[in-house]
Protein backbone atom coordinates (compact mmCIF):
# COMPACT_ATOMS: atom_id res chain seq x y z
CA MET A 1 16.24 -0.72 20.31
CA ILE A 2 18.08 1.72 22.56
CA GLU A 3 17.20 5.37 22.31
CA ASN A 4 19.74 7.73 23.99
CA LYS A 5 18.44 11.13 24.84
CA GLU A 6 21.54 12.56 26.42
CA ASN A 7 21.37 16.35 26.61
CA ASN A 8 23.62 18.14 24.10
CA LYS A 9 26.06 20.80 25.22
CA LYS A 10 24.31 24.16 25.19
CA PRO A 11 25.33 26.11 22.07
CA ILE A 12 25.00 29.50 23.81
CA ILE A 13 27.86 28.71 26.23
CA THR A 14 30.15 27.79 23.34
CA LEU A 15 29.01 30.88 21.48
CA LEU A 16 29.85 33.29 24.32
CA ALA A 17 33.18 31.65 24.91
CA ASP A 18 34.08 31.93 21.21
CA VAL A 19 33.12 35.62 21.17
CA PHE A 20 35.30 36.29 24.21
CA LEU A 21 38.23 34.38 22.73
CA LEU A 22 37.93 36.12 19.39
CA ILE A 23 37.98 39.56 21.04
CA ILE A 24 41.10 38.59 22.93
CA SER A 25 42.61 37.22 19.74
CA PHE A 26 42.05 40.44 17.88
CA ILE A 27 43.48 42.58 20.67
CA ILE A 28 46.55 40.37 20.90
CA SER A 29 46.98 40.62 17.15
CA LEU A 30 46.92 44.41 17.33
CA TYR A 31 49.57 44.50 20.07
CA ILE A 32 51.81 42.14 18.11
CA VAL A 33 51.56 44.27 15.00
CA ARG A 34 52.03 47.46 17.04
CA SER A 35 55.36 46.10 18.35
CA TRP A 36 56.55 45.85 14.77
CA TYR A 37 55.07 49.06 13.37
CA ILE A 38 54.29 52.48 14.74
CA PHE A 39 50.66 53.56 14.39
CA ASP A 40 47.86 55.16 16.39
CA TYR A 41 46.51 52.27 18.44
CA LEU A 42 43.59 54.30 19.82
CA ARG A 43 42.38 55.16 16.31
CA VAL A 44 42.59 51.54 15.23
CA PHE A 45 40.63 50.42 18.31
CA ILE A 46 37.88 53.01 17.71
CA ASP A 47 37.65 52.57 13.92
CA GLY A 48 38.06 48.86 13.65
CA ILE A 49 37.65 46.64 16.68
CA PHE A 50 33.83 47.09 17.19
CA ILE A 51 33.07 46.48 13.55
CA VAL A 52 35.26 43.39 13.50
CA ILE A 53 33.76 42.01 16.70
CA LEU A 54 30.20 42.54 15.36
CA THR A 55 31.22 40.79 12.15
CA LYS A 56 32.62 37.82 14.03
CA LEU A 57 29.54 37.64 16.25
CA THR A 58 27.33 37.48 13.21
CA ILE A 59 29.38 34.75 11.55
CA ILE A 60 29.45 32.77 14.82
CA LEU A 61 25.68 32.85 14.92
CA ILE A 62 25.36 31.70 11.33
CA CYS A 63 28.06 29.04 11.27
CA PHE A 64 27.43 27.48 14.64
CA LYS A 65 23.72 27.23 13.83
CA PHE A 66 24.71 24.50 11.33
CA PHE A 67 28.00 23.04 12.58
CA ILE A 68 28.00 22.95 16.35
CA LYS A 69 26.09 19.68 16.59
CA ASN A 70 28.19 17.88 13.97
CA ASP A 71 30.57 15.59 15.87
CA LYS A 72 32.07 13.87 12.80
CA ILE A 73 33.59 16.90 11.05
CA ASN A 74 36.21 19.17 12.49
CA VAL A 75 34.91 22.58 11.39
CA ILE A 76 37.24 24.73 13.51
CA LEU A 77 39.46 25.69 10.60
CA ALA A 78 36.59 26.43 8.27
CA VAL A 79 34.74 28.56 10.86
CA VAL A 80 37.80 30.55 11.82
CA ALA A 81 38.74 31.12 8.22
CA THR A 82 35.27 32.53 7.62
CA TYR A 83 35.60 34.84 10.66
CA ASN A 84 38.84 36.21 9.42
CA LEU A 85 37.66 36.64 5.88
CA PHE A 86 35.01 39.03 7.12
CA SER A 87 37.54 40.65 9.47
CA PHE A 88 39.83 41.26 6.53
CA LEU A 89 37.02 42.77 4.49
CA VAL A 90 36.00 45.09 7.31
CA LEU A 91 39.56 46.23 7.93
CA GLN A 92 40.06 46.81 4.25
CA PHE A 93 36.80 48.77 4.12
CA ILE A 94 37.93 51.19 6.84
CA SER A 95 41.34 51.64 5.11
CA PHE A 96 43.38 50.14 7.89
CA ASP A 97 47.04 50.37 7.07
CA PHE A 98 48.14 47.01 8.42
CA VAL A 99 45.22 44.84 7.34
CA TYR A 100 47.28 41.92 6.00
CA GLU A 101 49.50 41.66 9.03
CA VAL A 102 46.68 41.88 11.57
CA SER A 103 44.43 39.44 9.67
CA THR A 104 47.21 36.88 9.29
CA ILE A 105 48.23 36.96 12.94
CA ASN A 106 44.56 37.05 14.04
CA PHE A 107 43.86 33.97 11.95
CA ILE A 108 46.64 31.98 13.61
CA ILE A 109 45.71 33.04 17.13
CA ASP A 110 42.05 32.30 16.50
CA ILE A 111 42.87 28.72 15.57
CA VAL A 112 45.04 28.18 18.59
CA LEU A 113 42.54 29.66 21.09
CA ILE A 114 39.39 27.99 19.71
CA SER A 115 41.18 24.62 19.45
CA LEU A 116 42.36 24.89 23.05
CA SER A 117 38.82 25.82 24.16
CA ARG A 118 37.42 22.73 22.40
CA LEU A 119 40.10 20.56 23.85
CA PHE A 120 39.99 21.60 27.54
CA LEU A 121 36.66 23.36 28.10
CA PHE A 122 34.12 21.38 26.15
CA ILE A 123 35.49 17.92 25.56
CA LYS A 124 34.99 15.95 28.75
CA PRO A 125 36.38 12.49 29.46
CA LYS A 126 34.14 9.77 28.11
CA SER A 127 31.39 9.30 30.65
CA ASN A 128 30.48 5.90 31.94
CA THR A 129 26.85 6.98 32.37
CA THR A 130 25.63 4.90 29.48
CA ASP A 131 27.58 1.83 30.69
CA LYS A 132 26.11 2.33 34.14
CA ILE A 133 22.59 2.49 32.79
CA LEU A 134 23.14 -0.58 30.64
CA ASN A 135 24.45 -2.44 33.62
CA GLU A 136 21.33 -1.40 35.55
CA TYR A 137 19.24 -2.68 32.63
CA ILE A 138 21.09 -5.97 32.66
CA GLU A 139 20.37 -6.32 36.36
CA VAL A 140 16.74 -5.54 35.72
CA GLU A 141 16.61 -8.07 32.92
CA VAL A 142 18.04 -10.76 35.13
CA ASN A 143 15.29 -10.23 37.69
CA LYS A 144 12.47 -9.73 35.23
CA GLU A 145 11.81 -11.29 31.87
CA LEU A 146 10.52 -8.77 29.33
CA SER A 147 7.41 -9.67 27.39
CA MET A 148 7.31 -8.94 23.66
CA GLY A 149 7.42 -5.20 23.02
CA GLU A 150 7.63 -4.25 26.67
CA SER A 151 9.87 -1.28 27.45
CA ILE A 152 11.93 -0.08 30.44
CA ASP A 153 12.67 3.60 30.99
CA ILE A 154 15.81 4.43 33.04
CA CYS A 155 16.39 8.13 33.82
CA ASN A 156 18.93 10.27 35.58
CA ASP A 157 19.78 14.00 35.42
CA GLU A 158 21.47 13.84 32.01
CA ASN A 159 20.24 10.75 30.25
CA HIS A 160 16.97 9.07 29.30
CA ILE A 161 17.28 5.63 27.78
CA THR A 162 14.34 3.58 26.50
CA ILE A 163 15.04 -0.09 25.91
CA TYR A 164 12.62 -2.30 23.92
CA SER A 165 12.56 -5.99 23.49
CA GLN A 166 13.28 -6.80 19.83
CA ALA A 167 9.96 -8.51 18.90
CA PRO A 168 8.57 -7.74 15.45
CA LEU A 169 5.64 -9.80 14.25
CA ILE A 170 6.32 -11.29 10.82
CA ILE A 171 3.22 -12.40 8.94
CA SER A 172 3.83 -14.91 6.16
CA LYS A 173 1.94 -17.41 4.02
CA ASP A 174 3.03 -20.92 2.94
CA MET A 175 6.58 -20.12 3.86
CA GLU A 176 9.31 -22.48 2.71
CA TYR A 177 11.86 -23.88 5.17
CA SER A 178 14.70 -21.89 3.61
CA ASP A 179 12.78 -18.62 3.89
CA ARG A 180 11.98 -19.31 7.54
CA ASN A 181 15.68 -19.85 8.30
CA ARG A 182 16.60 -16.60 6.53
CA LEU A 183 13.97 -14.71 8.48
CA HIS A 184 15.34 -16.03 11.73
CA GLU A 185 18.80 -14.88 10.69
CA VAL A 186 17.56 -11.37 9.85
CA ALA A 187 15.29 -11.03 12.95
CA PRO A 188 16.24 -13.69 15.50
CA GLU A 189 13.83 -12.34 18.17
CA SER A 190 10.87 -12.14 15.80
CA VAL A 191 7.54 -13.95 16.08
CA ILE A 192 6.33 -15.54 12.85
CA PHE A 193 2.56 -15.92 12.22
CA GLU A 194 1.98 -18.09 9.20
CA PHE A 195 -1.10 -18.38 7.01
CA CYS A 196 -1.67 -21.69 5.24
CA THR A 197 -3.63 -22.10 1.95
CA VAL A 198 -5.31 -25.28 3.12
CA ASN A 199 -6.68 -23.72 6.34
CA ASN A 200 -9.78 -21.62 6.77
CA VAL A 201 -8.93 -18.02 6.09
CA THR A 202 -11.49 -16.61 8.48
CA GLN A 203 -10.22 -18.71 11.35
CA GLU A 204 -6.61 -17.72 10.67
CA LEU A 205 -7.60 -14.05 10.72
CA LYS A 206 -9.28 -14.58 14.08
CA ASP A 207 -6.12 -16.26 15.38
CA LEU A 208 -4.06 -13.32 14.15
CA LYS A 209 -6.39 -10.92 15.86
CA ASN A 210 -6.02 -12.83 19.14
CA THR A 211 -2.24 -12.83 18.78
CA LEU A 212 -2.26 -9.05 18.34
CA LYS A 213 -4.48 -8.65 21.42
CA GLU A 214 -2.44 -10.92 23.61
CA ASN A 215 0.98 -9.49 22.75
CA THR A 216 2.58 -6.17 22.08
CA PHE A 217 4.98 -5.95 19.10
CA ASP A 218 7.48 -3.28 18.07
CA SER A 219 6.31 -3.50 14.44
CA VAL A 220 4.61 -5.71 11.96
CA ILE A 221 6.38 -7.02 8.85
CA ILE A 222 4.33 -8.69 6.07
CA HIS A 223 6.27 -11.12 3.92
CA THR A 224 4.64 -10.45 0.55
CA LYS A 225 5.43 -13.84 -0.99
CA ASN A 226 2.27 -15.90 -1.67
CA PHE A 227 -0.18 -13.33 -0.29
CA TYR A 228 -3.08 -12.02 -2.35
CA ARG A 229 -4.37 -8.48 -2.26
CA LEU A 230 -7.63 -9.15 -0.45
CA GLU A 231 -5.83 -11.19 2.18
CA PHE A 232 -3.40 -8.31 2.73
CA LEU A 233 -6.25 -5.79 3.08
CA ASP A 234 -7.88 -8.09 5.62
CA ILE A 235 -4.69 -7.94 7.66
CA ILE A 236 -4.51 -4.16 7.31
CA GLU A 237 -8.03 -4.00 8.69
CA LEU A 238 -7.00 -5.89 11.80
CA LEU A 239 -4.12 -3.47 12.33
CA LYS A 240 -6.03 -0.25 11.71
CA ASP A 241 -6.69 0.44 15.40
CA ILE A 242 -3.22 -0.50 16.57
CA PRO A 243 -0.58 2.31 16.63
CA ILE A 244 2.11 0.18 15.00
CA SER A 245 4.25 0.49 11.92
CA VAL A 246 3.65 -1.83 8.99
CA ASP A 247 6.50 -2.70 6.64
CA LEU A 248 6.74 -5.12 3.76
CA MET A 249 9.35 -7.73 3.04
CA ASP A 250 9.87 -8.99 -0.51
CA GLU A 251 10.89 -12.43 -1.65
CA GLU A 252 14.56 -11.55 -1.18
CA ILE A 253 13.94 -10.81 2.52
CA SER A 254 14.50 -7.08 1.91
CA LEU A 255 12.47 -4.59 3.92
CA PHE A 256 10.71 -1.63 2.33
CA GLU A 257 8.14 0.84 3.57
CA LEU A 258 4.50 0.69 2.67
CA THR A 259 3.77 4.18 1.33
CA SER A 260 1.00 4.00 -1.30
CA MET A 261 -1.58 1.91 -3.05
CA GLU A 262 1.05 1.27 -5.71
CA ASP A 263 3.04 -0.80 -3.21
CA ILE A 264 -0.03 -2.99 -2.66
CA ILE A 265 -0.67 -3.36 -6.41
CA ASN A 266 2.93 -4.26 -7.16
CA ASN A 267 3.34 -6.82 -4.37
CA PHE A 268 -0.08 -8.40 -3.92
CA PRO A 269 -1.82 -9.82 -7.04
CA LEU A 270 -5.55 -10.15 -7.37
CA ASN A 271 -6.82 -13.66 -7.05
CA VAL A 272 -9.90 -15.65 -7.86
CA GLU A 273 -9.09 -18.51 -5.49
CA TYR A 274 -9.79 -16.36 -2.45
CA ASN A 275 -13.43 -16.00 -3.40
CA LYS A 276 -13.76 -19.75 -2.81
CA PHE A 277 -15.50 -20.76 -5.96
CA LEU A 278 -12.69 -23.20 -6.61
CA LEU A 279 -13.79 -26.04 -4.32
CA GLY A 280 -14.01 -29.48 -5.79
CA ASP A 281 -13.35 -30.57 -9.36
CA ILE A 282 -13.63 -27.98 -12.04
CA LEU A 283 -14.82 -28.30 -15.63
CA LEU A 284 -13.53 -25.54 -17.88
CA LEU A 285 -15.55 -25.22 -21.09
CA TYR A 286 -12.90 -23.63 -23.24
CA THR A 287 -14.11 -21.50 -26.13
CA GLY A 288 -11.28 -19.05 -26.65
CA ASP A 289 -7.75 -18.18 -25.77
CA ILE A 290 -8.10 -18.66 -21.99
CA CYS A 291 -6.02 -16.38 -19.82
CA GLU A 292 -3.09 -18.44 -18.49
CA THR A 293 -3.29 -16.52 -15.21
CA LEU A 294 -6.62 -18.22 -14.52
CA LEU A 295 -5.15 -21.64 -14.91
CA ASP A 296 -2.27 -20.76 -12.65
CA GLU A 297 -4.74 -19.60 -10.01
CA LEU A 298 -6.90 -22.76 -10.38
CA ILE A 299 -4.03 -25.24 -9.91
CA LYS A 300 -2.75 -23.39 -6.80
CA GLY A 301 -5.60 -24.90 -4.88
CA ASN A 302 -6.49 -28.56 -4.41
CA SER A 303 -8.79 -28.61 -7.39
CA ASN A 304 -8.47 -30.71 -10.50
CA VAL A 305 -9.27 -28.92 -13.79
CA THR A 306 -10.75 -30.50 -16.92
CA ILE A 307 -10.36 -28.35 -20.03
CA VAL A 308 -12.81 -28.99 -22.79
CA GLU A 309 -12.62 -27.51 -26.33
CA ASN A 310 -13.11 -28.44 -29.92
CA THR A 311 -9.50 -27.84 -30.82
CA ILE A 312 -6.84 -28.28 -28.17
CA SER A 313 -4.61 -25.18 -27.78
CA THR A 314 -1.01 -26.22 -28.61
CA SER A 315 0.55 -23.55 -26.34
CA LEU A 316 -1.60 -24.42 -23.36
CA HIS A 317 -1.10 -28.16 -23.87
CA ASP A 318 2.66 -27.77 -24.13
CA LYS A 319 2.74 -25.68 -20.88
CA TYR A 320 0.44 -27.80 -18.77
CA CYS A 321 0.70 -31.31 -20.27
CA ASN A 322 2.83 -32.56 -17.36
CA ASN A 323 0.64 -31.06 -14.68
CA LYS A 324 -1.34 -33.80 -12.97
CA LYS A 325 -4.10 -31.39 -11.90
CA ILE A 326 -5.04 -30.46 -15.54
CA GLU A 327 -6.69 -32.73 -18.05
CA PHE A 328 -7.37 -31.77 -21.67
CA ILE A 329 -10.42 -33.30 -23.35
CA GLN A 330 -11.47 -32.78 -26.94
CA ILE A 331 -15.26 -33.01 -27.46
CA LEU A 332 -16.67 -33.05 -30.93
CA SER A 333 -20.39 -33.68 -30.32
CA LEU A 334 -23.19 -32.80 -27.94
CA GLU A 335 -23.38 -36.45 -26.89
CA ASP A 336 -19.78 -36.33 -25.74
CA LEU A 337 -20.55 -33.24 -23.71
CA LYS A 338 -23.59 -34.83 -22.08
CA LEU A 339 -21.56 -37.87 -21.14
CA LEU A 340 -18.87 -35.70 -19.61
CA LEU A 341 -21.28 -33.56 -17.65
CA SER A 342 -23.16 -36.55 -16.31
CA ASN A 343 -20.01 -37.48 -14.38
CA GLY A 344 -20.77 -34.53 -12.14
CA PHE A 345 -18.58 -31.48 -11.56
CA THR A 346 -18.87 -29.29 -8.51
CA ASN A 347 -17.84 -26.20 -10.52
CA ILE A 348 -18.42 -25.48 -14.21
CA ILE A 349 -16.52 -22.55 -15.73
CA TYR A 350 -17.63 -21.32 -19.13
CA SER A 351 -14.84 -19.35 -20.73
CA LEU A 352 -15.95 -16.55 -23.04
CA PRO A 353 -13.86 -15.39 -26.02
CA VAL A 354 -10.96 -13.20 -25.08
CA THR A 355 -10.79 -10.38 -27.54
CA ASP A 356 -12.91 -8.61 -30.20
CA ALA A 357 -10.00 -6.71 -31.74
CA ASP A 358 -9.54 -8.98 -34.72
CA TYR A 359 -13.23 -9.81 -35.37
CA GLY A 360 -15.44 -8.28 -38.01
CA GLU A 361 -19.22 -7.79 -37.49
CA ARG A 362 -20.08 -11.09 -39.16
CA GLU A 363 -17.61 -13.05 -37.11
CA ILE A 364 -18.83 -11.40 -33.87
CA LYS A 365 -22.45 -12.27 -34.67
CA LYS A 366 -21.55 -15.87 -35.49
CA THR A 367 -19.56 -16.22 -32.26
CA ILE A 368 -22.41 -14.85 -30.18
CA GLU A 369 -24.91 -17.24 -31.71
CA GLN A 370 -22.57 -20.19 -31.13
CA ASN A 371 -22.08 -19.21 -27.49
CA ILE A 372 -25.84 -18.98 -26.89
CA ILE A 373 -26.24 -22.51 -28.32
CA ASN A 374 -23.36 -23.78 -26.18
CA ILE A 375 -24.85 -22.32 -23.03
CA LYS A 376 -28.25 -23.83 -23.67
CA ASN A 377 -26.69 -27.21 -24.44
CA MET A 378 -24.64 -27.04 -21.30
CA LEU A 379 -27.69 -26.20 -19.12
CA ASN A 380 -29.64 -29.09 -20.49
CA CYS A 381 -26.78 -31.52 -19.74
CA ILE A 382 -26.04 -30.50 -16.17
CA PRO A 383 -27.25 -32.97 -13.49
CA GLU A 384 -29.23 -30.92 -10.94
CA ASP A 385 -28.06 -32.86 -7.92
CA LYS A 386 -24.29 -32.55 -8.50
CA THR A 387 -23.30 -29.17 -9.88
CA ARG A 388 -23.24 -26.36 -7.29
CA LYS A 389 -21.82 -23.47 -9.20
CA ILE A 390 -21.64 -22.20 -12.79
CA THR A 391 -19.13 -19.45 -13.63
CA PHE A 392 -18.94 -17.34 -16.75
CA ILE A 393 -15.48 -15.91 -17.12
CA SER A 394 -13.65 -13.74 -19.63
CA SER A 395 -10.42 -11.87 -20.11
CA TYR A 396 -9.95 -8.15 -19.49
CA LYS A 397 -9.06 -7.72 -23.17
CA ALA A 398 -12.60 -7.63 -24.47
CA GLN A 399 -13.48 -4.06 -23.51
CA LYS A 400 -15.82 -2.73 -26.22
CA PRO A 401 -19.42 -2.35 -24.92
CA LYS A 402 -20.94 -4.09 -27.96
CA SER A 403 -18.35 -6.77 -28.09
CA ILE A 404 -18.65 -10.57 -27.95
CA LEU A 405 -18.14 -10.28 -24.23
CA GLY A 406 -20.88 -7.69 -23.69
CA TYR A 407 -23.50 -9.66 -25.58
CA CYS A 408 -22.53 -12.98 -24.05
CA TYR A 409 -23.14 -11.59 -20.64
CA LYS A 410 -26.76 -11.06 -21.60
CA ASN A 411 -27.00 -14.80 -21.98
CA VAL A 412 -27.11 -15.03 -18.18
CA GLU A 413 -30.73 -14.07 -18.62
CA VAL A 414 -31.25 -17.52 -20.17
CA ILE A 415 -30.07 -19.06 -16.94
CA MET A 416 -32.12 -16.68 -14.86
CA ARG A 417 -35.32 -17.73 -16.59
CA SER A 418 -34.62 -21.26 -15.47
CA LEU A 419 -34.15 -20.40 -11.75
CA ASP A 420 -36.84 -22.83 -10.72
CA LYS A 421 -34.96 -25.70 -12.21
CA TYR A 422 -31.50 -24.50 -11.13
CA SER A 423 -32.45 -22.72 -7.88
CA LYS A 424 -29.69 -24.57 -5.93
CA ILE A 425 -26.94 -23.62 -8.35
CA ASP A 426 -24.91 -20.47 -7.70
CA LEU A 427 -24.35 -18.36 -10.79
CA GLN A 428 -21.48 -15.92 -11.15
CA VAL A 429 -19.91 -13.77 -13.84
CA ILE A 430 -16.15 -13.22 -13.53
CA ARG A 431 -14.00 -10.82 -15.45
CA MET A 432 -10.27 -11.56 -15.20
CA PRO A 433 -8.16 -8.67 -14.01
CA GLU A 434 -5.26 -6.95 -15.73
CA SER A 435 -3.72 -4.18 -13.61
CA ILE A 436 -4.96 -1.14 -11.73
CA LYS A 437 -4.05 2.46 -12.50
CA LYS A 438 -1.08 3.47 -10.44
CA GLY A 439 -0.61 6.74 -8.64
CA ASN A 440 -3.69 7.29 -6.48
CA LYS A 441 -2.78 6.93 -2.80
CA PHE A 442 -5.68 5.67 -0.68
CA ILE A 443 -3.86 3.80 2.05
CA LYS A 444 -4.62 6.44 4.71
CA ASP A 445 -8.36 6.38 3.99
CA ILE A 446 -8.25 2.55 3.92
CA HIS A 447 -6.88 2.58 7.45
CA GLU A 448 -9.44 5.13 8.66
CA ASN A 449 -12.57 3.92 6.96
CA LEU A 450 -12.79 0.11 7.08
CA SER A 451 -16.40 -0.57 7.99
CA ILE A 452 -18.74 -3.37 7.03
CA GLU A 453 -22.51 -3.44 7.21
CA GLU A 454 -24.52 -6.60 7.61
CA TYR A 455 -26.88 -7.92 4.95
CA ASP A 456 -28.41 -11.39 4.62
CA ALA A 457 -28.47 -12.67 1.07
CA ARG A 458 -31.69 -14.21 -0.15
CA GLY A 459 -32.29 -17.43 -2.03
CA HIS A 460 -32.34 -16.25 -5.63
CA ASP A 461 -29.48 -13.80 -5.57
CA VAL A 462 -27.17 -13.56 -8.54
CA TYR A 463 -23.47 -13.22 -7.90
CA VAL A 464 -21.49 -10.90 -10.15
CA TYR A 465 -17.79 -10.91 -9.51
CA MET A 466 -15.79 -8.88 -12.03
CA TYR A 467 -16.80 -6.58 -14.83
CA SER A 468 -16.18 -3.34 -16.72
CA ASP A 469 -18.40 -0.30 -16.71
CA MET A 470 -20.99 -0.61 -19.54
CA GLU A 471 -21.06 -4.39 -19.58
CA ALA A 472 -21.66 -4.52 -15.84
CA ALA A 473 -24.43 -1.91 -16.07
CA LEU A 474 -26.19 -3.90 -18.80
CA LEU A 475 -25.83 -7.15 -16.88
CA ILE A 476 -26.87 -5.78 -13.48
CA THR A 477 -29.88 -3.88 -14.74
CA ASN A 478 -31.15 -6.86 -16.68
CA LEU A 479 -30.77 -9.11 -13.70
CA LEU A 480 -32.53 -6.63 -11.41
CA HIS A 481 -35.79 -7.09 -13.35
CA ILE A 482 -35.84 -10.84 -12.86
CA SER A 483 -34.03 -11.42 -9.57
CA ASP A 484 -34.79 -10.52 -5.98
CA SER A 485 -31.39 -8.83 -5.66
CA VAL A 486 -27.93 -8.83 -7.10
CA ILE A 487 -24.84 -9.34 -5.00
CA VAL A 488 -21.77 -7.65 -6.51
CA TYR A 489 -18.52 -9.18 -5.18
CA MET A 490 -15.71 -6.63 -5.25
CA GLY A 491 -12.19 -7.28 -6.33
CA ASN A 492 -11.39 -5.81 -9.69
CA GLN A 493 -11.95 -3.03 -12.05
CA LEU A 494 -14.54 -0.47 -13.19
CA TYR A 495 -14.67 2.99 -14.56
CA ILE A 496 -15.76 5.25 -11.78
CA PRO A 497 -18.40 7.37 -12.43
CA GLU A 498 -19.62 5.64 -15.55
CA LEU A 499 -20.92 2.48 -13.83
CA LEU A 500 -22.84 4.56 -11.30
CA ASN A 501 -24.17 6.78 -14.07
CA ASN A 502 -25.28 3.87 -16.26
CA ILE A 503 -27.06 2.11 -13.45
CA ASN A 504 -28.82 5.35 -12.39
CA LEU A 505 -30.12 5.82 -15.94
CA LYS A 506 -31.67 2.36 -15.90
CA GLY A 507 -34.47 2.97 -13.53
CA ARG A 508 -32.85 3.79 -10.15
CA MET A 509 -33.09 0.36 -8.59
CA GLU A 510 -29.96 0.77 -6.47
CA ASP A 511 -31.75 -0.53 -3.41
CA LYS A 512 -31.60 -4.01 -4.91
CA ILE A 513 -27.85 -3.85 -5.47
CA LYS A 514 -25.58 -5.10 -2.72
CA VAL A 515 -21.80 -5.14 -2.68
CA ASN A 516 -19.64 -7.60 -0.88
CA TYR A 517 -15.92 -8.47 -0.54
CA ASN A 518 -16.08 -12.26 -0.76
CA GLU A 519 -18.16 -15.12 0.52
CA GLU A 520 -16.57 -15.05 3.97
CA ARG A 521 -17.15 -11.35 4.59
CA LEU A 522 -20.34 -9.59 5.46
CA PRO A 523 -21.67 -7.57 2.51
CA LEU A 524 -21.41 -3.80 2.24
CA GLU A 525 -24.45 -1.90 1.00
CA PHE A 526 -23.90 0.31 -1.96
CA TYR A 527 -25.76 3.60 -1.62
CA ILE A 528 -25.40 5.34 -4.93
CA ASP A 529 -28.08 8.04 -4.52
CA ASP A 530 -26.71 9.15 -1.13
CA VAL A 531 -23.26 9.71 -2.53
CA LEU A 532 -23.32 10.77 -6.21
CA GLU A 533 -26.69 11.94 -7.52
CA TYR A 534 -25.47 12.19 -11.02
CA THR A 535 -26.88 11.47 -14.45
CA LYS A 536 -26.06 12.83 -17.86
CA TYR A 537 -28.97 15.29 -17.53
CA GLN A 538 -27.86 16.81 -14.25
CA SER A 539 -25.81 19.97 -13.91
CA THR A 540 -22.15 19.65 -13.17
CA ASP A 541 -22.67 22.32 -10.52
CA ASN A 542 -23.60 19.54 -8.11
CA PRO A 543 -20.99 19.95 -5.32
CA TYR A 544 -20.58 16.17 -4.97
CA VAL A 545 -19.78 15.55 -8.66
CA PHE A 546 -16.25 15.60 -9.97
CA LEU A 547 -15.51 13.40 -12.96
CA LEU A 548 -12.51 11.25 -12.30
CA PRO A 549 -10.09 10.38 -15.12
CA ASP A 550 -11.03 7.51 -17.45
CA THR A 551 -8.95 5.02 -15.52
CA ASN A 552 -9.24 1.61 -13.97
CA VAL A 553 -9.53 1.53 -10.19
CA ASP A 554 -9.84 -1.32 -7.71
CA TYR A 555 -13.51 -1.58 -6.77
CA MET A 556 -12.71 -2.43 -3.17
CA ILE A 557 -10.94 0.91 -2.90
CA VAL A 558 -13.87 2.61 -4.60
CA SER A 559 -16.27 1.28 -2.01
CA LYS A 560 -14.06 2.70 0.75
CA ILE A 561 -14.06 6.07 -1.00
CA ILE A 562 -17.86 5.94 -1.21
CA ASN A 563 -18.08 5.33 2.53
CA ILE A 564 -15.70 8.19 3.17
CA LEU A 565 -17.78 10.48 0.94
CA GLN A 566 -20.93 9.55 2.77
CA THR A 567 -19.31 10.58 6.05
CA LYS A 568 -17.93 13.80 4.61
CA ILE A 569 -21.23 14.84 3.03
CA LYS A 570 -22.99 14.47 6.35
CA SER A 571 -20.43 16.22 8.45
CA GLU A 572 -18.42 18.56 6.24
CA SER A 573 -19.03 21.42 3.82
CA ASP A 574 -19.55 21.15 0.09
CA GLU A 575 -16.12 22.65 -0.53
CA VAL A 576 -14.43 19.98 1.55
CA CYS A 577 -16.15 17.18 -0.34
CA LYS A 578 -15.36 18.78 -3.64
CA GLU A 579 -11.72 19.16 -2.67
CA TYR A 580 -11.52 15.54 -1.61
CA LEU A 581 -12.87 14.37 -4.96
CA LYS A 582 -10.33 16.55 -6.74
CA GLN A 583 -7.55 14.88 -4.76
CA LEU A 584 -8.70 11.48 -5.97
CA ALA A 585 -8.37 12.62 -9.55
CA ILE A 586 -4.69 13.38 -9.18
């Protein structure tokens, strides 16, 4: 990139020259007209010339303010015409007898004089200064190889040129050969850092950090294809202390600027795979219309998926029947289930029903009872020495607090009462994502407030991944009574202050709730009382309370906001905190 800072011609010199030329032009015009007509020249000079000159001076100041730096448009004719329009009006106003003749001749002379001034006084022959500087740069480059991002400043009296090596860092994931070739065509001097699904994410982030330390880049471009949202936010965290621009590149190799949280939402999907509960073979106990997004996520990894249900779904079978990683099994009896589980699965996923929209009260009750029976049967069949993780998962569509989904979550208590028997099995509850409310822009605060606090998980922790407001409050508060602590892994949705409010109303046991990003990141403590001391019975006059709209928000972003609020409450006034909360509600 070459940045030329050559000094512009000073407008004031041009301005004074034009004023002088226009005065001469007007006087010449008067003499020419006087040679044709007989009139009192002294009266004309006294009555008209000063007013006309002041008018022209004013128009010069106005017009050249906007046009003098424009090299592409020849504005001489337009500017002169404007001068003479005002001259004509002034002469007409003072009842000058020969206004048309003087104005016409003045107009023609103005064009000639100003054009000549532009041609001879202000347009210099093309200077070879830039060529000379570039030649000097070439000589420097021969003697010294520039490292990535290094710059050379070459100065003289009139020019300052900064030359950078063209070395953007392009971060990609699982890039295809064709994409790599296209990237090299677009940015031949770029450095590509590639993530790979089969590699350890933590180690790759460390390698990226070392690359950023060892080299200096002009900019960072993140190729959005194949990246998940949490991976992207991890990269943003590494870049937060580096004064460098971050742009995105879509699948068509088109660049666009990262300006808001909406860009992240649109280009980086949420994922389950990143939480690393998908290691080994997976048994999916299918009891409802499973979200196809989940299956797509499962088969992206190296895991094999066995889907079990009483009646095989035709649509799912048609879509995945040719996929070698997915096996459909129809089990009609408990004995068949015991035989299947005895084979040993590293991960067991229990899929809860998707929706409650089409169920009546009787159907809901029947489904809940059946799920409780299924869970107990499953627990009794699991070999203790083979299974390492049990996951309860549901779709985002079941949103009513007293729905099938809400009551089935309480069945986790059945597992919790058996902790002695299943103490080595990790338990998690996952709620599949839909989308996040668009419009709130948190990217600046994400950059400025990425901090993680250490916390060592204990042996009997319960892992809760994804949830909605009331269901999560019921689940967490029930688990708090029977577990040492609850680890809440962030990554999806909740209703902002409702979750905090519901948990606060259930006995204020926030000290036992810990929040984490994923299994590879150190947890982040969740201080509710220090941030929003709010219950239904408290006054809304509390300066730290501002009810946000009833909207879904990414929990990872919410945790950042909570950290920001903690800092603001300690260091800033109540009004500042209140204003910040209002901004989040926009």
